[in-house]
């Protein structure tokens, strides 16, 4: 899933969150980071890529960016990945790099 709301890429959470009630707004993340900081805990995000991606990435063709991920939720999964759900970033699509740049930029803002 991709439950983190991004200003520059709102479709990531729209397509990637389990539900509209299961989202992390930027203010939620900043609050968690600060909550941990004052207690001596560093909150580290996990962005699993290039594999284990899928839900959240399917909006690319509708926005004119092409397929940002390939083999998403393919069955039988044993033919496409080590464990389900399947999906890999489409590193052959040059648009993936600008999308990744936006994700990392906003993650840096939220997680400091």
PDB file of N, CA and C in Angstrom:
ATOM      1  N   UNK A   1       0.840  -1.185   0.000  1.00  0.00           N
ATOM      2  CA  UNK A   1       0.000   0.000   0.000  1.00  0.00           C
ATOM      3  C   UNK A   1       0.877   1.238   0.000  1.00  0.00           C
ATOM      4  N   UNK A   2       0.284   2.363  -0.323  1.00  0.00           N
ATOM      5  CA  UNK A   2       0.987   3.644  -0.292  1.00  0.00           C
ATOM      6  C   UNK A   2       0.068   4.647   0.396  1.00  0.00           C
ATOM      7  N   UNK A   3       0.075   4.668   1.733  1.00  0.00           N
ATOM      8  CA  UNK A   3      -0.865   5.521   2.466  1.00  0.00           C
ATOM      9  C   UNK A   3      -0.372   6.939   2.741  1.00  0.00           C
ATOM     10  N   UNK A   4       0.836   7.287   2.303  1.00  0.00           N
ATOM     11  CA  UNK A   4       1.400   8.598   2.594  1.00  0.00           C
ATOM     12  C   UNK A   4       0.898   9.625   1.575  1.00  0.00           C
ATOM     13  N   UNK A   5       0.219  10.654   2.057  1.00  0.00           N
ATOM     14  CA  UNK A   5      -0.318  11.699   1.185  1.00  0.00           C
ATOM     15  C   UNK A   5       0.806  12.635   0.783  1.00  0.00           C
ATOM     16  N   UNK A   6       0.947  12.832  -0.523  1.00  0.00           N
ATOM     17  CA  UNK A   6       1.970  13.718  -1.067  1.00  0.00           C
ATOM     18  C   UNK A   6       1.291  14.874  -1.787  1.00  0.00           C
ATOM     19  N   UNK A   7       1.752  16.079  -1.520  1.00  0.00           N
ATOM     20  CA  UNK A   7       1.181  17.262  -2.188  1.00  0.00           C
ATOM     21  C   UNK A   7       1.382  17.191  -3.694  1.00  0.00           C
ATOM     22  N   UNK A   8       2.571  16.801  -4.115  1.00  0.00           N
ATOM     23  CA  UNK A   8       2.901  16.816  -5.535  1.00  0.00           C
ATOM     24  C   UNK A   8       2.361  15.603  -6.293  1.00  0.00           C
ATOM     25  N   UNK A   9       2.014  14.537  -5.576  1.00  0.00           N
ATOM     26  CA  UNK A   9       1.522  13.310  -6.217  1.00  0.00           C
ATOM     27  C   UNK A   9       0.332  12.738  -5.437  1.00  0.00           C
ATOM     28  N   UNK A  10      -0.792  13.434  -5.433  1.00  0.00           N
ATOM     29  CA  UNK A  10      -1.935  12.967  -4.638  1.00  0.00           C
ATOM     30  C   UNK A  10      -2.487  11.614  -5.080  1.00  0.00           C
ATOM     31  N   UNK A  11      -2.239  11.238  -6.339  1.00  0.00           N
ATOM     32  CA  UNK A  11      -2.746   9.947  -6.807  1.00  0.00           C
ATOM     33  C   UNK A  11      -2.074   8.762  -6.135  1.00  0.00           C
ATOM     34  N   UNK A  12      -0.877   8.951  -5.601  1.00  0.00           N
ATOM     35  CA  UNK A  12      -0.196   7.837  -4.935  1.00  0.00           C
ATOM     36  C   UNK A  12      -1.043   7.302  -3.788  1.00  0.00           C
ATOM     37  N   UNK A  13      -1.497   8.161  -2.917  1.00  0.00           N
ATOM     38  CA  UNK A  13      -2.323   7.722  -1.786  1.00  0.00           C
ATOM     39  C   UNK A  13      -3.744   7.402  -2.234  1.00  0.00           C
ATOM     40  N   UNK A  14      -4.258   8.144  -3.212  1.00  0.00           N
ATOM     41  CA  UNK A  14      -5.616   7.896  -3.680  1.00  0.00           C
ATOM     42  C   UNK A  14      -5.752   6.462  -4.188  1.00  0.00           C
ATOM     43  N   UNK A  15      -4.780   6.008  -4.974  1.00  0.00           N
ATOM     44  CA  UNK A  15      -4.798   4.652  -5.507  1.00  0.00           C
ATOM     45  C   UNK A  15      -4.150   3.639  -4.561  1.00  0.00           C
ATOM     46  N   UNK A  16      -3.249   4.096  -3.710  1.00  0.00           N
ATOM     47  CA  UNK A  16      -2.436   3.165  -2.944  1.00  0.00           C
ATOM     48  C   UNK A  16      -2.859   2.885  -1.521  1.00  0.00           C
ATOM     49  N   UNK A  17      -3.690   3.743  -0.912  1.00  0.00           N
ATOM     50  CA  UNK A  17      -4.108   3.511   0.478  1.00  0.00           C
ATOM     51  C   UNK A  17      -5.185   2.434   0.524  1.00  0.00           C
ATOM     52  N   UNK A  18      -5.228   1.712   1.630  1.00  0.00           N
ATOM     53  CA  UNK A  18      -6.265   0.695   1.797  1.00  0.00           C
ATOM     54  C   UNK A  18      -7.650   1.325   1.829  1.00  0.00           C
ATOM     55  N   UNK A  19      -7.771   2.516   2.380  1.00  0.00           N
ATOM     56  CA  UNK A  19      -9.040   3.242   2.395  1.00  0.00           C
ATOM     57  C   UNK A  19      -8.749   4.725   2.625  1.00  0.00           C
ATOM     58  N   UNK A  20      -9.760   5.553   2.434  1.00  0.00           N
ATOM     59  CA  UNK A  20      -9.579   6.991   2.642  1.00  0.00           C
ATOM     60  C   UNK A  20      -9.423   7.336   4.115  1.00  0.00           C
ATOM     61  N   UNK A  21      -9.706   6.383   4.981  1.00  0.00           N
ATOM     62  CA  UNK A  21      -9.528   6.596   6.424  1.00  0.00           C
ATOM     63  C   UNK A  21      -8.168   6.117   6.909  1.00  0.00           C
ATOM     64  N   UNK A  22      -7.421   5.459   6.047  1.00  0.00           N
ATOM     65  CA  UNK A  22      -6.125   4.903   6.423  1.00  0.00           C
ATOM     66  C   UNK A  22      -5.011   5.629   5.670  1.00  0.00           C
ATOM     67  N   UNK A  23      -4.878   6.903   5.966  1.00  0.00           N
ATOM     68  CA  UNK A  23      -3.889   7.755   5.324  1.00  0.00           C
ATOM     69  C   UNK A  23      -2.976   8.392   6.362  1.00  0.00           C
ATOM     70  N   UNK A  24      -1.774   8.723   5.932  1.00  0.00           N
ATOM     71  CA  UNK A  24      -0.860   9.539   6.729  1.00  0.00           C
ATOM     72  C   UNK A  24      -0.738  10.892   6.038  1.00  0.00           C
ATOM     73  N   UNK A  25      -1.311  11.915   6.634  1.00  0.00           N
ATOM     74  CA  UNK A  25      -1.161  13.271   6.139  1.00  0.00           C
ATOM     75  C   UNK A  25       0.241  13.772   6.512  1.00  0.00           C
ATOM     76  N   UNK A  26       0.786  14.736   5.772  1.00  0.00           N
ATOM     77  CA  UNK A  26       2.100  15.273   6.140  1.00  0.00           C
ATOM     78  C   UNK A  26       2.164  15.735   7.594  1.00  0.00           C
ATOM     79  N   UNK A  27       1.108  16.344   8.087  1.00  0.00           N
ATOM     80  CA  UNK A  27       1.099  16.795   9.485  1.00  0.00           C
ATOM     81  C   UNK A  27       1.157  15.616  10.452  1.00  0.00           C
ATOM     82  N   UNK A  28       0.528  14.485  10.103  1.00  0.00           N
ATOM     83  CA  UNK A  28       0.593  13.273  10.932  1.00  0.00           C
ATOM     84  C   UNK A  28       2.028  12.775  11.029  1.00  0.00           C
ATOM     85  N   UNK A  29       2.701  12.754   9.892  1.00  0.00           N
ATOM     86  CA  UNK A  29       4.081  12.258   9.859  1.00  0.00           C
ATOM     87  C   UNK A  29       4.994  13.174  10.653  1.00  0.00           C
ATOM     88  N   UNK A  30       4.855  14.479  10.450  1.00  0.00           N
ATOM     89  CA  UNK A  30       5.689  15.422  11.213  1.00  0.00           C
ATOM     90  C   UNK A  30       5.455  15.274  12.716  1.00  0.00           C
ATOM     91  N   UNK A  31       4.211  15.054  13.110  1.00  0.00           N
ATOM     92  CA  UNK A  31       3.892  14.857  14.523  1.00  0.00           C
ATOM     93  C   UNK A  31       4.563  13.586  15.057  1.00  0.00           C
ATOM     94  N   UNK A  32       4.499  12.491  14.304  1.00  0.00           N
ATOM     95  CA  UNK A  32       5.142  11.243  14.732  1.00  0.00           C
ATOM     96  C   UNK A  32       6.652  11.408  14.852  1.00  0.00           C
ATOM     97  N   UNK A  33       7.242  12.105  13.889  1.00  0.00           N
ATOM     98  CA  UNK A  33       8.692  12.327  13.910  1.00  0.00           C
ATOM     99  C   UNK A  33       9.070  13.144  15.144  1.00  0.00           C
ATOM    100  N   UNK A  34       8.319  14.193  15.430  1.00  0.00           N
ATOM    101  CA  UNK A  34       8.601  15.028  16.605  1.00  0.00           C
ATOM    102  C   UNK A  34       8.352  14.256  17.900  1.00  0.00           C
ATOM    103  N   UNK A  35       7.294  13.487  17.947  1.00  0.00           N
ATOM    104  CA  UNK A  35       6.979  12.661  19.118  1.00  0.00           C
ATOM    105  C   UNK A  35       8.154  11.722  19.423  1.00  0.00           C
ATOM    106  N   UNK A  36       8.681  11.103  18.385  1.00  0.00           N
ATOM    107  CA  UNK A  36       9.835  10.233  18.570  1.00  0.00           C
ATOM    108  C   UNK A  36      11.089  11.001  18.947  1.00  0.00           C
ATOM    109  N   UNK A  37      11.311  12.142  18.304  1.00  0.00           N
ATOM    110  CA  UNK A  37      12.530  12.914  18.546  1.00  0.00           C
ATOM    111  C   UNK A  37      12.670  13.299  20.011  1.00  0.00           C
ATOM    112  N   UNK A  38      11.599  13.797  20.623  1.00  0.00           N
ATOM    113  CA  UNK A  38      11.702  14.236  22.013  1.00  0.00           C
ATOM    114  C   UNK A  38      11.872  13.053  22.967  1.00  0.00           C
ATOM    115  N   UNK A  39      11.692  11.851  22.462  1.00  0.00           N
ATOM    116  CA  UNK A  39      11.876  10.643  23.272  1.00  0.00           C
ATOM    117  C   UNK A  39      13.137   9.873  22.883  1.00  0.00           C
ATOM    118  N   UNK A  40      13.959  10.495  22.038  1.00  0.00           N
ATOM    119  CA  UNK A  40      15.210   9.867  21.626  1.00  0.00           C
ATOM    120  C   UNK A  40      15.045   8.766  20.602  1.00  0.00           C
ATOM    121  N   UNK A  41      13.971   8.810  19.839  1.00  0.00           N
ATOM    122  CA  UNK A  41      13.694   7.783  18.834  1.00  0.00           C
ATOM    123  C   UNK A  41      13.686   8.431  17.459  1.00  0.00           C
ATOM    124  N   UNK A  42      14.427   7.862  16.549  1.00  0.00           N
ATOM    125  CA  UNK A  42      14.432   8.352  15.166  1.00  0.00           C
ATOM    126  C   UNK A  42      13.430   7.532  14.364  1.00  0.00           C
ATOM    127  N   UNK A  43      12.493   8.210  13.750  1.00  0.00           N
ATOM    128  CA  UNK A  43      11.504   7.557  12.894  1.00  0.00           C
ATOM    129  C   UNK A  43      12.062   7.513  11.484  1.00  0.00           C
ATOM    130  N   UNK A  44      12.197   6.310  10.942  1.00  0.00           N
ATOM    131  CA  UNK A  44      12.741   6.131   9.599  1.00  0.00           C
ATOM    132  C   UNK A  44      11.662   5.596   8.666  1.00  0.00           C
ATOM    133  N   UNK A  45      11.476   6.229   7.531  1.00  0.00           N
ATOM    134  CA  UNK A  45      10.497   5.710   6.569  1.00  0.00           C
ATOM    135  C   UNK A  45      11.071   4.518   5.812  1.00  0.00           C
ATOM    136  N   UNK A  46      10.197   3.643   5.373  1.00  0.00           N
ATOM    137  CA  UNK A  46      10.604   2.543   4.506  1.00  0.00           C
ATOM    138  C   UNK A  46       9.890   2.718   3.176  1.00  0.00           C
ATOM    139  N   UNK A  47      10.668   2.878   2.146  1.00  0.00           N
ATOM    140  CA  UNK A  47      10.123   2.978   0.799  1.00  0.00           C
ATOM    141  C   UNK A  47      10.715   1.818   0.029  1.00  0.00           C
ATOM    142  N   UNK A  48       9.965   0.752  -0.073  1.00  0.00           N
ATOM    143  CA  UNK A  48      10.444  -0.495  -0.658  1.00  0.00           C
ATOM    144  C   UNK A  48      10.374  -0.388  -2.182  1.00  0.00           C
ATOM    145  N   UNK A  49      11.520  -0.336  -2.818  1.00  0.00           N
ATOM    146  CA  UNK A  49      11.571  -0.221  -4.274  1.00  0.00           C
ATOM    147  C   UNK A  49      12.947  -0.685  -4.745  1.00  0.00           C
ATOM    148  N   UNK A  50      13.113  -1.183  -5.914  1.00  0.00           N
ATOM    149  CA  UNK A  50      12.188  -1.126  -7.032  1.00  0.00           C
ATOM    150  C   UNK A  50      11.127  -2.214  -7.048  1.00  0.00           C
ATOM    151  N   UNK A  51      11.255  -3.235  -6.212  1.00  0.00           N
ATOM    152  CA  UNK A  51      10.235  -4.281  -6.189  1.00  0.00           C
ATOM    153  C   UNK A  51       9.230  -4.004  -5.075  1.00  0.00           C
ATOM    154  N   UNK A  52       8.246  -4.843  -4.982  1.00  0.00           N
ATOM    155  CA  UNK A  52       7.183  -4.723  -3.978  1.00  0.00           C
ATOM    156  C   UNK A  52       6.400  -3.434  -4.131  1.00  0.00           C
ATOM    157  N   UNK A  53       6.270  -2.956  -5.352  1.00  0.00           N
ATOM    158  CA  UNK A  53       5.428  -1.793  -5.610  1.00  0.00           C
ATOM    159  C   UNK A  53       4.258  -2.257  -6.462  1.00  0.00           C
ATOM    160  N   UNK A  54       3.221  -1.528  -6.425  1.00  0.00           N
ATOM    161  CA  UNK A  54       2.058  -1.887  -7.236  1.00  0.00           C
ATOM    162  C   UNK A  54       0.937  -0.916  -7.001  1.00  0.00           C
ATOM    163  N   UNK A  55       0.139  -1.188  -5.984  1.00  0.00           N
ATOM    164  CA  UNK A  55      -0.987  -0.317  -5.704  1.00  0.00           C
ATOM    165  C   UNK A  55      -0.479   1.071  -5.336  1.00  0.00           C
ATOM    166  N   UNK A  56      -1.013   2.053  -6.036  1.00  0.00           N
ATOM    167  CA  UNK A  56      -0.567   3.426  -5.878  1.00  0.00           C
ATOM    168  C   UNK A  56       0.132   3.936  -7.122  1.00  0.00           C
ATOM    169  N   UNK A  57       0.581   3.031  -7.950  1.00  0.00           N
ATOM    170  CA  UNK A  57       1.359   3.403  -9.134  1.00  0.00           C
ATOM    171  C   UNK A  57       0.557   3.319 -10.434  1.00  0.00           C
ATOM    172  N   UNK A  58      -0.676   2.881 -10.380  1.00  0.00           N
ATOM    173  CA  UNK A  58      -1.419   2.595 -11.610  1.00  0.00           C
ATOM    174  C   UNK A  58      -2.002   3.820 -12.314  1.00  0.00           C
ATOM    175  N   UNK A  59      -1.795   4.994 -11.801  1.00  0.00           N
ATOM    176  CA  UNK A  59      -2.341   6.222 -12.372  1.00  0.00           C
ATOM    177  C   UNK A  59      -1.497   6.792 -13.510  1.00  0.00           C
ATOM    178  N   UNK A  60      -0.314   6.281 -13.725  1.00  0.00           N
ATOM    179  CA  UNK A  60       0.606   6.821 -14.726  1.00  0.00           C
ATOM    180  C   UNK A  60       0.036   6.964 -16.129  1.00  0.00           C
ATOM    181  N   UNK A  61      -0.558   5.914 -16.690  1.00  0.00           N
ATOM    182  CA  UNK A  61      -1.084   6.042 -18.048  1.00  0.00           C
ATOM    183  C   UNK A  61      -2.150   7.134 -18.191  1.00  0.00           C
ATOM    184  N   UNK A  62      -3.005   7.289 -17.188  1.00  0.00           N
ATOM    185  CA  UNK A  62      -4.062   8.303 -17.256  1.00  0.00           C
ATOM    186  C   UNK A  62      -3.496   9.722 -17.214  1.00  0.00           C
ATOM    187  N   UNK A  63      -2.309   9.879 -16.646  1.00  0.00           N
ATOM    188  CA  UNK A  63      -1.667  11.193 -16.562  1.00  0.00           C
ATOM    189  C   UNK A  63      -0.638  11.413 -17.669  1.00  0.00           C
ATOM    190  N   UNK A  64      -0.596  10.498 -18.627  1.00  0.00           N
ATOM    191  CA  UNK A  64       0.328  10.628 -19.743  1.00  0.00           C
ATOM    192  C   UNK A  64       1.759  10.260 -19.412  1.00  0.00           C
ATOM    193  N   UNK A  65       1.961   9.518 -18.314  1.00  0.00           N
ATOM    194  CA  UNK A  65       3.321   9.136 -17.900  1.00  0.00           C
ATOM    195  C   UNK A  65       3.660   7.688 -18.245  1.00  0.00           C
ATOM    196  N   UNK A  66       2.735   6.952 -18.803  1.00  0.00           N
ATOM    197  CA  UNK A  66       2.975   5.547 -19.120  1.00  0.00           C
ATOM    198  C   UNK A  66       2.922   4.678 -17.873  1.00  0.00           C
ATOM    199  N   UNK A  67       3.275   3.422 -18.036  1.00  0.00           N
ATOM    200  CA  UNK A  67       3.267   2.488 -16.905  1.00  0.00           C
ATOM    201  C   UNK A  67       4.449   2.764 -15.988  1.00  0.00           C
ATOM    202  N   UNK A  68       4.150   3.200 -14.776  1.00  0.00           N
ATOM    203  CA  UNK A  68       5.198   3.472 -13.795  1.00  0.00           C
ATOM    204  C   UNK A  68       5.650   2.201 -13.096  1.00  0.00           C
ATOM    205  N   UNK A  69       4.780   1.212 -13.067  1.00  0.00           N
ATOM    206  CA  UNK A  69       5.107  -0.090 -12.471  1.00  0.00           C
ATOM    207  C   UNK A  69       4.632  -1.177 -13.430  1.00  0.00           C
ATOM    208  N   UNK A  70       5.294  -2.309 -13.373  1.00  0.00           N
ATOM    209  CA  UNK A  70       4.941  -3.444 -14.229  1.00  0.00           C
ATOM    210  C   UNK A  70       4.688  -4.670 -13.372  1.00  0.00           C
ATOM    211  N   UNK A  71       3.970  -5.627 -13.935  1.00  0.00           N
ATOM    212  CA  UNK A  71       3.645  -6.909 -13.283  1.00  0.00           C
ATOM    213  C   UNK A  71       2.852  -6.710 -11.990  1.00  0.00           C
ATOM    214  N   UNK A  72       2.056  -5.663 -11.922  1.00  0.00           N
ATOM    215  CA  UNK A  72       1.306  -5.352 -10.705  1.00  0.00           C
ATOM    216  C   UNK A  72       0.185  -6.365 -10.502  1.00  0.00           C
ATOM    217  N   UNK A  73       0.184  -6.981  -9.322  1.00  0.00           N
ATOM    218  CA  UNK A  73      -0.838  -7.939  -8.911  1.00  0.00           C
ATOM    219  C   UNK A  73      -1.059  -9.076  -9.910  1.00  0.00           C
ATOM    220  N   UNK A  74       0.009  -9.491 -10.567  1.00  0.00           N
ATOM    221  CA  UNK A  74      -0.109 -10.565 -11.550  1.00  0.00           C
ATOM    222  C   UNK A  74      -0.307 -11.918 -10.872  1.00  0.00           C
ATOM    223  N   UNK A  75      -1.044 -12.764 -11.530  1.00  0.00           N
ATOM    224  CA  UNK A  75      -1.301 -14.130 -11.079  1.00  0.00           C
ATOM    225  C   UNK A  75      -0.996 -15.079 -12.225  1.00  0.00           C
ATOM    226  N   UNK A  76      -0.525 -16.277 -11.985  1.00  0.00           N
ATOM    227  CA  UNK A  76      -0.105 -16.767 -10.674  1.00  0.00           C
ATOM    228  C   UNK A  76       1.174 -16.063 -10.237  1.00  0.00           C
ATOM    229  N   UNK A  77       1.166 -15.559  -9.032  1.00  0.00           N
ATOM    230  CA  UNK A  77       2.244 -14.712  -8.547  1.00  0.00           C
ATOM    231  C   UNK A  77       3.601 -15.392  -8.589  1.00  0.00           C
ATOM    232  N   UNK A  78       3.668 -16.723  -8.475  1.00  0.00           N
ATOM    233  CA  UNK A  78       4.946 -17.443  -8.469  1.00  0.00           C
ATOM    234  C   UNK A  78       5.740 -17.223  -9.750  1.00  0.00           C
ATOM    235  N   UNK A  79       5.063 -16.871 -10.821  1.00  0.00           N
ATOM    236  CA  UNK A  79       5.747 -16.632 -12.092  1.00  0.00           C
ATOM    237  C   UNK A  79       6.289 -15.214 -12.205  1.00  0.00           C
ATOM    238  N   UNK A  80       5.861 -14.319 -11.320  1.00  0.00           N
ATOM    239  CA  UNK A  80       6.213 -12.909 -11.451  1.00  0.00           C
ATOM    240  C   UNK A  80       7.044 -12.355 -10.295  1.00  0.00           C
ATOM    241  N   UNK A  81       6.959 -12.980  -9.114  1.00  0.00           N
ATOM    242  CA  UNK A  81       7.665 -12.422  -7.966  1.00  0.00           C
ATOM    243  C   UNK A  81       7.883 -13.495  -6.905  1.00  0.00           C
ATOM    244  N   UNK A  82       8.684 -13.161  -5.904  1.00  0.00           N
ATOM    245  CA  UNK A  82       9.002 -14.104  -4.834  1.00  0.00           C
ATOM    246  C   UNK A  82       7.830 -14.275  -3.879  1.00  0.00           C
ATOM    247  N   UNK A  83       7.111 -13.203  -3.633  1.00  0.00           N
ATOM    248  CA  UNK A  83       5.936 -13.268  -2.769  1.00  0.00           C
ATOM    249  C   UNK A  83       4.930 -12.212  -3.229  1.00  0.00           C
ATOM    250  N   UNK A  84       3.657 -12.476  -3.054  1.00  0.00           N
ATOM    251  CA  UNK A  84       2.648 -11.503  -3.502  1.00  0.00           C
ATOM    252  C   UNK A  84       2.516 -10.357  -2.519  1.00  0.00           C
ATOM    253  N   UNK A  85       1.960  -9.228  -2.911  1.00  0.00           N
ATOM    254  CA  UNK A  85       1.536  -8.904  -4.272  1.00  0.00           C
ATOM    255  C   UNK A  85       2.719  -8.487  -5.123  1.00  0.00           C
ATOM    256  N   UNK A  86       2.636  -8.767  -6.391  1.00  0.00           N
ATOM    257  CA  UNK A  86       3.730  -8.484  -7.317  1.00  0.00           C
ATOM    258  C   UNK A  86       3.677  -7.053  -7.830  1.00  0.00           C
ATOM    259  N   UNK A  87       4.799  -6.578  -8.279  1.00  0.00           N
ATOM    260  CA  UNK A  87       4.931  -5.280  -8.918  1.00  0.00           C
ATOM    261  C   UNK A  87       6.348  -4.759  -8.779  1.00  0.00           C
ATOM    262  N   UNK A  88       6.865  -4.174  -9.854  1.00  0.00           N
ATOM    263  CA  UNK A  88       8.199  -3.584  -9.859  1.00  0.00           C
ATOM    264  C   UNK A  88       8.123  -2.235 -10.548  1.00  0.00           C
ATOM    265  N   UNK A  89       8.974  -1.307 -10.104  1.00  0.00           N
ATOM    266  CA  UNK A  89       9.061  -0.035 -10.806  1.00  0.00           C
ATOM    267  C   UNK A  89       9.503  -0.295 -12.238  1.00  0.00           C
ATOM    268  N   UNK A  90       8.946   0.463 -13.146  1.00  0.00           N
ATOM    269  CA  UNK A  90       9.287   0.334 -14.555  1.00  0.00           C
ATOM    270  C   UNK A  90      10.480   1.245 -14.849  1.00  0.00           C
ATOM    271  N   UNK A  91      11.675   0.742 -14.600  1.00  0.00           N
ATOM    272  CA  UNK A  91      12.876   1.562 -14.752  1.00  0.00           C
ATOM    273  C   UNK A  91      13.185   1.887 -16.214  1.00  0.00           C
ATOM    274  N   UNK A  92      12.498   1.240 -17.157  1.00  0.00           N
ATOM    275  CA  UNK A  92      12.659   1.567 -18.567  1.00  0.00           C
ATOM    276  C   UNK A  92      11.850   2.808 -18.953  1.00  0.00           C
ATOM    277  N   UNK A  93      10.927   3.208 -18.098  1.00  0.00           N
ATOM    278  CA  UNK A  93      10.113   4.405 -18.336  1.00  0.00           C
ATOM    279  C   UNK A  93      10.821   5.587 -17.691  1.00  0.00           C
ATOM    280  N   UNK A  94      11.287   6.523 -18.489  1.00  0.00           N
ATOM    281  CA  UNK A  94      12.035   7.671 -17.971  1.00  0.00           C
ATOM    282  C   UNK A  94      11.219   8.525 -17.006  1.00  0.00           C
ATOM    283  N   UNK A  95       9.900   8.481 -17.093  1.00  0.00           N
ATOM    284  CA  UNK A  95       9.047   9.273 -16.200  1.00  0.00           C
ATOM    285  C   UNK A  95       9.125   8.809 -14.742  1.00  0.00           C
ATOM    286  N   UNK A  96       9.540   7.580 -14.518  1.00  0.00           N
ATOM    287  CA  UNK A  96       9.606   7.068 -13.143  1.00  0.00           C
ATOM    288  C   UNK A  96      10.599   7.877 -12.312  1.00  0.00           C
ATOM    289  N   UNK A  97      11.626   8.397 -12.940  1.00  0.00           N
ATOM    290  CA  UNK A  97      12.677   9.098 -12.201  1.00  0.00           C
ATOM    291  C   UNK A  97      12.211  10.451 -11.666  1.00  0.00           C
ATOM    292  N   UNK A  98      11.397  11.163 -12.415  1.00  0.00           N
ATOM    293  CA  UNK A  98      10.860  12.421 -11.892  1.00  0.00           C
ATOM    294  C   UNK A  98       9.836  12.155 -10.796  1.00  0.00           C
ATOM    295  N   UNK A  99       9.064  11.086 -10.935  1.00  0.00           N
ATOM    296  CA  UNK A  99       8.105  10.718  -9.886  1.00  0.00           C
ATOM    297  C   UNK A  99       8.862  10.343  -8.612  1.00  0.00           C
ATOM    298  N   UNK A 100       9.895   9.536  -8.734  1.00  0.00           N
ATOM    299  CA  UNK A 100      10.701   9.173  -7.562  1.00  0.00           C
ATOM    300  C   UNK A 100      11.323  10.405  -6.918  1.00  0.00           C
ATOM    301  N   UNK A 101      11.794  11.326  -7.722  1.00  0.00           N
ATOM    302  CA  UNK A 101      12.375  12.563  -7.192  1.00  0.00           C
ATOM    303  C   UNK A 101      11.375  13.331  -6.345  1.00  0.00           C
ATOM    304  N   UNK A 102      10.138  13.415  -6.801  1.00  0.00           N
ATOM    305  CA  UNK A 102       9.101  14.108  -6.034  1.00  0.00           C
ATOM    306  C   UNK A 102       8.802  13.375  -4.724  1.00  0.00           C
ATOM    307  N   UNK A 103       8.757  12.049  -4.777  1.00  0.00           N
ATOM    308  CA  UNK A 103       8.506  11.267  -3.560  1.00  0.00           C
ATOM    309  C   UNK A 103       9.616  11.506  -2.545  1.00  0.00           C
ATOM    310  N   UNK A 104      10.852  11.382  -2.985  1.00  0.00           N
ATOM    311  CA  UNK A 104      11.983  11.565  -2.065  1.00  0.00           C
ATOM    312  C   UNK A 104      12.043  12.990  -1.525  1.00  0.00           C
ATOM    313  N   UNK A 105      11.741  13.965  -2.362  1.00  0.00           N
ATOM    314  CA  UNK A 105      11.760  15.358  -1.918  1.00  0.00           C
ATOM    315  C   UNK A 105      10.757  15.586  -0.786  1.00  0.00           C
ATOM    316  N   UNK A 106       9.541  15.084  -0.957  1.00  0.00           N
ATOM    317  CA  UNK A 106       8.538  15.270   0.085  1.00  0.00           C
ATOM    318  C   UNK A 106       8.846  14.435   1.323  1.00  0.00           C
ATOM    319  N   UNK A 107       9.429  13.260   1.127  1.00  0.00           N
ATOM    320  CA  UNK A 107       9.817  12.454   2.289  1.00  0.00           C
ATOM    321  C   UNK A 107      10.876  13.193   3.107  1.00  0.00           C
ATOM    322  N   UNK A 108      11.820  13.846   2.420  1.00  0.00           N
ATOM    323  CA  UNK A 108      12.841  14.606   3.138  1.00  0.00           C
ATOM    324  C   UNK A 108      12.216  15.743   3.936  1.00  0.00           C
ATOM    325  N   UNK A 109      11.219  16.401   3.374  1.00  0.00           N
ATOM    326  CA  UNK A 109      10.532  17.478   4.091  1.00  0.00           C
ATOM    327  C   UNK A 109       9.817  16.962   5.335  1.00  0.00           C
ATOM    328  N   UNK A 110       9.152  15.817   5.200  1.00  0.00           N
ATOM    329  CA  UNK A 110       8.349  15.292   6.312  1.00  0.00           C
ATOM    330  C   UNK A 110       9.190  14.631   7.399  1.00  0.00           C
ATOM    331  N   UNK A 111      10.234  13.901   6.969  1.00  0.00           N
ATOM    332  CA  UNK A 111      11.015  13.134   7.932  1.00  0.00           C
ATOM    333  C   UNK A 111      12.290  13.855   8.351  1.00  0.00           C
ATOM    334  N   UNK A 112      12.628  14.944   7.651  1.00  0.00           N
ATOM    335  CA  UNK A 112      13.789  15.750   8.022  1.00  0.00           C
ATOM    336  C   UNK A 112      15.066  15.007   7.964  1.00  0.00           C
TER     337      UNK A 112
END
